[in-house]
Amino acid sequence: MIKFHAGNLCWTSSTLHKGGFIIKKRIAILSLSILILCTCLALADTGVPQVPETQGFKTMTAISAFGTATETDSIVSQIINCGQCGLPVPLPLWYDSHSVYSSSYMENTLADHGLITYTKGITADTSGMAAENQYNVVTDKIVEFVGSETGRMVSDESTLLDGVGTTYYDDEIMLCPFASGLHTLNPPFCNIVEEGSSIDLTIGSLTTGTSERHIMPYAGSIYDEGDIGWDLPVSDSGVELNYNIKLTGFGDIPAMGSAEAYMNVHLQEARTAIYSESAPIMKAEDLVYSESTTAAGEITLFQKVMNYKSQITAPGFVEAL
């Protein structure tokens, strides 16, 4: 296991430990395959509050056929907490309590010349998610394919979450009293995470699932002197992105073909949160992580579980009074 707090310069492994630093934020990245990685970083994803009118939809797909079957799905969303700003918009560092998030999910599957069984469910909801087991987008898929001599199934799937935010007062966005404090601030951040897979099979049983949360309940609004308002999120549940994949054969017959699953992360954060012309906010942390796992040939088991979570767990920086 590798564990590190990049924002606080605290690294832990089986042979290295430097402690004594206050942990303010936590991000966990779990990847279960050959490598298990746990990452806990001082990054401050706040999420974004829901809009007054929320929407939700569900779909269910079931196919059992011999021949050809296709499935194409795409979900793309953007949301910002400033109605006067509009989308898209850059976020100047000196603007307080601004955040904008972009998320996407995509699947393209083609099964040709074979016996296909395909089942998939999608649930999407733009309501604010108050608990850690609630998500804005959830997908679950099970596909079984047995190809003929020329049979082949290809499937690509990916999910992405991109969040940008400026300074927030902890006590305005946190219900937990231990994660907020008087005149404490979360610094600006810019975090993007992508997870997904790609498979190419002549025979195999494939299961995948995704879930992500970035829209939070409404916590009230603040206004500047010009009566321009910004809505605030309830950030206790944290921002999260999950992806899992499992590929097997049928009994003693292995899956045949190739499979890849991957995770790409780019995390950036400031250290201070007070802006002035003499002391502007500067980027203090930049972390890039990339992981890819592949298998080809006769595949008995290919399994990978990935999790990204950014959650405020303690007060941030103290504002100078």
Protein backbone atom coordinates (compact mmCIF):
# COMPACT_ATOMS: atom_id res chain seq x y z
CA MET A 1 0.00 0.00 0.00
CA ILE A 2 1.11 3.52 -0.82
CA LYS A 3 -0.39 6.36 1.19
CA PHE A 4 0.47 10.01 0.88
CA HIS A 5 -0.83 13.46 1.79
CA ALA A 6 0.65 15.60 -0.94
CA GLY A 7 -0.77 18.89 0.26
CA ASN A 8 0.82 18.36 3.66
CA LEU A 9 4.01 16.68 2.43
CA CYS A 10 3.30 13.52 4.41
CA TRP A 11 4.22 10.26 2.68
CA THR A 12 3.70 6.76 4.04
CA SER A 13 4.80 3.39 2.68
CA SER A 14 6.24 0.23 4.18
CA THR A 15 9.65 1.93 4.48
CA LEU A 16 8.97 5.68 4.66
CA HIS A 17 6.95 7.86 7.02
CA LYS A 18 6.97 11.60 7.69
CA GLY A 19 4.16 12.74 9.97
CA GLY A 20 3.09 15.56 12.24
CA PHE A 21 1.05 17.49 9.73
CA ILE A 22 -2.63 18.43 9.98
CA ILE A 23 -4.74 16.55 7.45
CA LYS A 24 -7.42 18.89 6.10
CA LYS A 25 -8.84 17.09 3.10
CA ARG A 26 -8.98 13.48 1.99
CA ILE A 27 -9.11 11.86 -1.42
CA ALA A 28 -9.00 8.08 -1.70
CA ILE A 29 -8.18 6.34 -4.95
CA LEU A 30 -8.61 2.56 -4.76
CA SER A 31 -7.51 0.38 -7.65
CA LEU A 32 -7.90 -3.37 -7.20
CA SER A 33 -6.17 -5.46 -9.83
CA ILE A 34 -2.49 -6.28 -9.60
CA LEU A 35 -1.89 -2.97 -7.78
CA ILE A 36 -3.89 -1.49 -4.88
CA LEU A 37 -3.41 2.24 -4.43
CA CYS A 38 -4.85 4.37 -1.62
CA THR A 39 -4.33 8.08 -2.05
CA CYS A 40 -5.33 10.63 0.61
CA LEU A 41 -4.61 14.14 -0.57
CA ALA A 42 -5.32 17.60 0.82
CA LEU A 43 -7.72 18.52 -1.94
CA ALA A 44 -10.96 20.42 -1.45
CA ASP A 45 -13.73 19.35 -3.81
CA THR A 46 -16.81 21.18 -2.56
CA GLY A 47 -19.33 19.99 -5.13
CA VAL A 48 -21.95 22.35 -6.54
CA PRO A 49 -25.52 23.02 -5.31
CA GLN A 50 -28.55 21.78 -7.21
CA VAL A 51 -30.65 24.15 -9.30
CA PRO A 52 -34.21 24.88 -8.06
CA GLU A 53 -35.78 22.59 -10.66
CA THR A 54 -34.29 19.08 -10.68
CA GLN A 55 -34.74 16.26 -13.15
CA GLY A 56 -34.27 12.51 -13.12
CA PHE A 57 -34.61 9.63 -15.54
CA LYS A 58 -34.13 5.87 -15.67
CA THR A 59 -33.70 3.46 -18.54
CA MET A 60 -33.56 -0.34 -18.67
CA THR A 61 -32.32 -2.33 -21.66
CA ALA A 62 -32.55 -6.10 -22.19
CA ILE A 63 -31.46 -7.93 -25.37
CA SER A 64 -31.25 -11.64 -26.15
CA ALA A 65 -30.36 -12.32 -29.77
CA PHE A 66 -28.28 -14.28 -32.25
CA GLY A 67 -26.81 -11.88 -34.81
CA THR A 68 -25.97 -8.25 -34.12
CA ALA A 69 -26.72 -5.92 -31.22
CA THR A 70 -25.54 -2.37 -30.48
CA GLU A 71 -25.79 0.00 -27.53
CA THR A 72 -24.71 3.66 -27.53
CA ASP A 73 -25.11 5.87 -24.45
CA SER A 74 -23.89 9.39 -23.72
CA ILE A 75 -24.53 11.69 -20.76
CA VAL A 76 -22.84 15.11 -20.55
CA SER A 77 -23.67 17.78 -17.98
CA GLN A 78 -22.35 21.12 -16.72
CA ILE A 79 -23.54 23.01 -13.66
CA ILE A 80 -22.41 26.22 -11.96
CA ASN A 81 -23.56 27.85 -8.70
CA CYS A 82 -23.69 31.40 -10.11
CA GLY A 83 -26.81 32.14 -12.14
CA GLN A 84 -25.52 35.52 -13.31
CA CYS A 85 -22.28 33.96 -14.60
CA GLY A 86 -23.78 31.44 -17.00
CA LEU A 87 -22.01 28.59 -18.78
CA PRO A 88 -19.26 28.28 -19.79
CA VAL A 89 -17.32 30.78 -17.68
CA PRO A 90 -13.80 31.09 -16.25
CA LEU A 91 -13.54 31.43 -12.46
CA PRO A 92 -11.20 34.24 -11.36
CA LEU A 93 -9.31 33.30 -8.19
CA TRP A 94 -10.43 36.42 -6.32
CA TYR A 95 -14.15 35.51 -6.62
CA ASP A 96 -15.34 33.79 -3.44
CA SER A 97 -17.66 30.76 -3.35
CA HIS A 98 -17.73 29.90 -7.05
CA SER A 99 -17.71 26.33 -8.42
CA VAL A 100 -18.44 24.71 -11.77
CA TYR A 101 -18.52 20.99 -12.58
CA SER A 102 -18.58 19.01 -15.81
CA SER A 103 -19.36 15.30 -15.91
CA SER A 104 -19.78 12.74 -18.65
CA TYR A 105 -20.52 9.06 -19.22
CA MET A 106 -20.18 7.18 -22.51
CA GLU A 107 -20.63 3.62 -23.76
CA ASN A 108 -20.32 2.18 -27.26
CA THR A 109 -20.91 -1.58 -27.63
CA LEU A 110 -21.14 -3.63 -30.83
CA ALA A 111 -21.71 -7.39 -30.74
CA ASP A 112 -21.74 -9.03 -34.17
CA HIS A 113 -22.17 -12.60 -35.46
CA GLY A 114 -22.85 -14.34 -32.18
CA LEU A 115 -25.17 -15.15 -29.32
CA ILE A 116 -25.69 -11.99 -27.28
CA THR A 117 -27.35 -11.38 -23.93
CA TYR A 118 -27.25 -7.73 -22.86
CA THR A 119 -28.80 -6.10 -19.76
CA LYS A 120 -28.23 -2.51 -18.62
CA GLY A 121 -29.76 0.03 -16.27
CA ILE A 122 -29.08 3.78 -16.10
CA THR A 123 -30.26 6.18 -13.40
CA ALA A 124 -29.57 9.94 -13.52
CA ASP A 125 -30.77 12.57 -11.04
CA THR A 126 -29.80 16.26 -10.81
CA SER A 127 -31.02 16.56 -7.20
CA GLY A 128 -28.51 17.33 -4.46
CA MET A 129 -27.14 14.16 -2.87
CA ALA A 130 -26.89 14.46 0.91
CA ALA A 131 -25.47 11.02 1.77
CA GLU A 132 -22.35 9.11 0.77
CA ASN A 133 -24.40 6.23 -0.70
CA GLN A 134 -26.36 8.52 -3.04
CA TYR A 135 -25.21 9.35 -6.59
CA ASN A 136 -26.19 11.60 -9.48
CA VAL A 137 -25.46 9.00 -12.18
CA VAL A 138 -25.44 5.21 -11.75
CA THR A 139 -25.01 2.57 -14.47
CA ASP A 140 -24.92 -1.24 -14.30
CA LYS A 141 -24.26 -3.54 -17.26
CA ILE A 142 -24.04 -7.32 -17.81
CA VAL A 143 -23.11 -8.68 -21.26
CA GLU A 144 -22.57 -12.29 -22.33
CA PHE A 145 -21.27 -13.05 -25.80
CA VAL A 146 -20.43 -16.25 -27.65
CA GLY A 147 -19.21 -15.50 -31.15
CA SER A 148 -19.32 -17.60 -34.28
CA GLU A 149 -16.17 -18.14 -36.37
CA THR A 150 -16.30 -14.48 -37.39
CA GLY A 151 -18.05 -13.27 -34.25
CA ARG A 152 -16.66 -10.36 -32.24
CA MET A 153 -17.78 -7.95 -29.53
CA VAL A 154 -16.12 -4.60 -28.84
CA SER A 155 -17.15 -2.30 -26.00
CA ASP A 156 -15.74 1.04 -24.84
CA GLU A 157 -16.94 2.77 -21.67
CA SER A 158 -15.70 5.84 -19.80
CA THR A 159 -16.78 8.26 -17.09
CA LEU A 160 -15.27 11.66 -16.27
CA LEU A 161 -15.66 14.27 -13.54
CA ASP A 162 -14.07 17.73 -13.76
CA GLY A 163 -14.49 20.19 -10.85
CA VAL A 164 -13.21 23.75 -10.42
CA GLY A 165 -13.82 25.95 -7.39
CA THR A 166 -12.63 29.09 -5.62
CA THR A 167 -12.49 29.96 -1.93
CA TYR A 168 -15.38 28.85 0.32
CA TYR A 169 -15.99 29.48 4.03
CA ASP A 170 -16.19 26.08 5.73
CA ASP A 171 -19.04 27.02 8.08
CA GLU A 172 -21.20 28.04 5.09
CA ILE A 173 -20.98 24.66 3.34
CA MET A 174 -20.46 22.10 6.14
CA LEU A 175 -23.08 20.68 8.50
CA CYS A 176 -20.49 18.69 10.45
CA PRO A 177 -19.10 20.97 13.22
CA PHE A 178 -15.76 19.14 13.21
CA ALA A 179 -15.21 19.92 9.53
CA SER A 180 -15.89 23.64 9.82
CA GLY A 181 -14.68 26.49 11.98
CA LEU A 182 -14.99 30.21 12.45
CA HIS A 183 -13.21 32.13 9.67
CA THR A 184 -11.71 28.99 8.09
CA LEU A 185 -11.49 28.65 4.32
CA ASN A 186 -11.16 26.02 1.63
CA PRO A 187 -8.59 27.07 -0.99
CA PRO A 188 -9.25 27.07 -4.77
CA PHE A 189 -8.98 23.72 -6.58
CA CYS A 190 -9.08 22.25 -10.08
CA ASN A 191 -9.49 18.45 -10.22
CA ILE A 192 -10.26 16.09 -13.10
CA VAL A 193 -10.65 12.29 -12.98
CA GLU A 194 -11.35 9.80 -15.79
CA GLU A 195 -12.07 6.07 -15.44
CA GLY A 196 -13.04 3.52 -18.05
CA SER A 197 -12.41 0.34 -20.01
CA SER A 198 -12.11 -1.13 -23.49
CA ILE A 199 -12.69 -4.77 -24.44
CA ASP A 200 -12.49 -6.83 -27.66
CA LEU A 201 -13.83 -10.39 -27.32
CA THR A 202 -14.84 -13.48 -29.26
CA ILE A 203 -16.31 -15.04 -26.10
CA GLY A 204 -16.81 -13.80 -22.57
CA SER A 205 -19.05 -12.52 -19.77
CA LEU A 206 -18.63 -8.83 -18.93
CA THR A 207 -19.96 -6.85 -15.95
CA THR A 208 -19.37 -3.11 -15.40
CA GLY A 209 -20.73 -0.44 -13.09
CA THR A 210 -20.30 3.29 -12.55
CA SER A 211 -21.49 5.83 -9.97
CA GLU A 212 -20.68 9.50 -9.44
CA ARG A 213 -21.75 12.33 -7.13
CA HIS A 214 -21.00 16.04 -7.52
CA ILE A 215 -24.35 17.84 -7.10
CA MET A 216 -25.09 18.74 -3.47
CA PRO A 217 -28.16 20.01 -1.59
CA TYR A 218 -28.75 23.77 -1.50
CA ALA A 219 -27.25 25.44 1.61
CA GLY A 220 -28.40 29.03 1.03
CA SER A 221 -27.05 31.98 -0.93
CA ILE A 222 -24.68 34.89 -0.51
CA TYR A 223 -24.84 38.26 -2.26
CA ASP A 224 -22.35 40.94 -3.16
CA GLU A 225 -23.00 44.69 -3.08
CA GLY A 226 -24.60 44.54 -6.52
CA ASP A 227 -27.16 41.95 -5.38
CA ILE A 228 -25.55 39.27 -7.53
CA GLY A 229 -26.11 35.95 -5.78
CA TRP A 230 -24.21 32.69 -5.51
CA ASP A 231 -25.81 29.50 -4.24
CA LEU A 232 -23.89 27.39 -1.72
CA PRO A 233 -23.60 23.56 -1.55
CA VAL A 234 -23.89 21.28 1.47
CA SER A 235 -20.53 19.58 0.98
CA ASP A 236 -20.48 16.96 3.77
CA SER A 237 -21.06 13.93 1.53
CA GLY A 238 -18.06 14.72 -0.68
CA VAL A 239 -17.47 14.31 -4.41
CA GLU A 240 -17.05 10.73 -5.67
CA LEU A 241 -16.46 8.79 -8.89
CA ASN A 242 -16.47 4.96 -9.08
CA TYR A 243 -15.88 2.44 -11.85
CA ASN A 244 -15.64 -1.35 -11.72
CA ILE A 245 -15.23 -4.04 -14.36
CA LYS A 246 -15.19 -7.85 -14.23
CA LEU A 247 -14.56 -10.15 -17.19
CA THR A 248 -14.77 -13.96 -16.99
CA GLY A 249 -15.45 -16.94 -19.21
CA PHE A 250 -18.15 -19.60 -18.87
CA GLY A 251 -17.32 -22.39 -16.42
CA ASP A 252 -14.04 -23.97 -17.53
CA ILE A 253 -14.02 -22.02 -20.79
CA PRO A 254 -12.06 -18.74 -20.43
CA ALA A 255 -12.90 -15.47 -22.10
CA MET A 256 -10.92 -14.91 -25.27
CA GLY A 257 -9.74 -11.54 -26.57
CA SER A 258 -8.32 -8.46 -24.88
CA ALA A 259 -9.34 -6.13 -22.06
CA GLU A 260 -8.07 -2.81 -20.69
CA ALA A 261 -9.16 -0.67 -17.74
CA TYR A 262 -7.66 2.67 -16.79
CA MET A 263 -7.72 5.65 -14.45
CA ASN A 264 -6.30 9.13 -15.09
CA VAL A 265 -6.17 11.85 -12.42
CA HIS A 266 -4.96 15.47 -12.43
CA LEU A 267 -5.34 17.33 -9.12
CA GLN A 268 -4.40 20.96 -8.44
CA GLU A 269 -4.87 23.07 -5.33
CA ALA A 270 -3.82 26.36 -3.79
CA ARG A 271 -2.39 26.53 -0.28
CA THR A 272 -3.65 29.93 0.90
CA ALA A 273 -7.12 31.32 0.33
CA ILE A 274 -6.76 35.07 0.86
CA TYR A 275 -6.31 37.09 -2.31
CA SER A 276 -4.65 40.48 -2.56
CA GLU A 277 -2.54 42.25 -5.15
CA SER A 278 0.50 41.95 -2.88
CA ALA A 279 -0.12 38.25 -2.12
CA PRO A 280 -2.06 36.61 -4.98
CA ILE A 281 -3.29 33.04 -4.72
CA MET A 282 -0.80 30.67 -6.34
CA LYS A 283 -1.02 26.96 -7.15
CA ALA A 284 0.69 24.98 -4.38
CA GLU A 285 0.06 21.40 -5.48
CA ASP A 286 -0.05 19.60 -8.81
CA LEU A 287 -0.49 15.81 -8.86
CA VAL A 288 -0.87 13.64 -11.95
CA TYR A 289 -1.69 9.94 -11.64
CA SER A 290 -2.22 7.42 -14.43
CA GLU A 291 -2.89 3.68 -14.29
CA SER A 292 -3.76 1.15 -16.99
CA THR A 293 -4.24 -2.62 -16.71
CA THR A 294 -4.43 -4.91 -19.76
CA ALA A 295 -4.88 -8.61 -20.47
CA ALA A 296 -5.02 -10.54 -23.74
CA GLY A 297 -5.46 -14.12 -24.84
CA GLU A 298 -7.36 -16.67 -22.75
CA ILE A 299 -8.64 -14.66 -19.78
CA THR A 300 -9.92 -16.54 -16.74
CA LEU A 301 -10.48 -13.37 -14.70
CA PHE A 302 -9.99 -9.67 -15.36
CA GLN A 303 -11.25 -7.46 -12.53
CA LYS A 304 -10.58 -3.87 -11.54
CA VAL A 305 -12.25 -1.55 -9.00
CA MET A 306 -11.51 2.20 -9.00
CA ASN A 307 -12.70 4.88 -6.59
CA TYR A 308 -12.06 8.62 -6.38
CA LYS A 309 -13.37 10.54 -3.38
CA SER A 310 -12.70 14.11 -2.29
CA GLN A 311 -14.26 15.03 1.04
CA ILE A 312 -13.74 17.85 3.54
CA THR A 313 -12.98 16.26 6.92
CA ALA A 314 -11.48 19.10 8.99
CA PRO A 315 -11.36 22.93 9.01
CA GLY A 316 -9.32 24.61 6.33
CA PHE A 317 -7.06 27.64 6.51
CA VAL A 318 -7.79 30.37 9.07
CA GLU A 319 -8.69 33.73 7.59
CA ALA A 320 -6.56 36.63 8.74
CA LEU A 321 -8.79 38.99 10.73
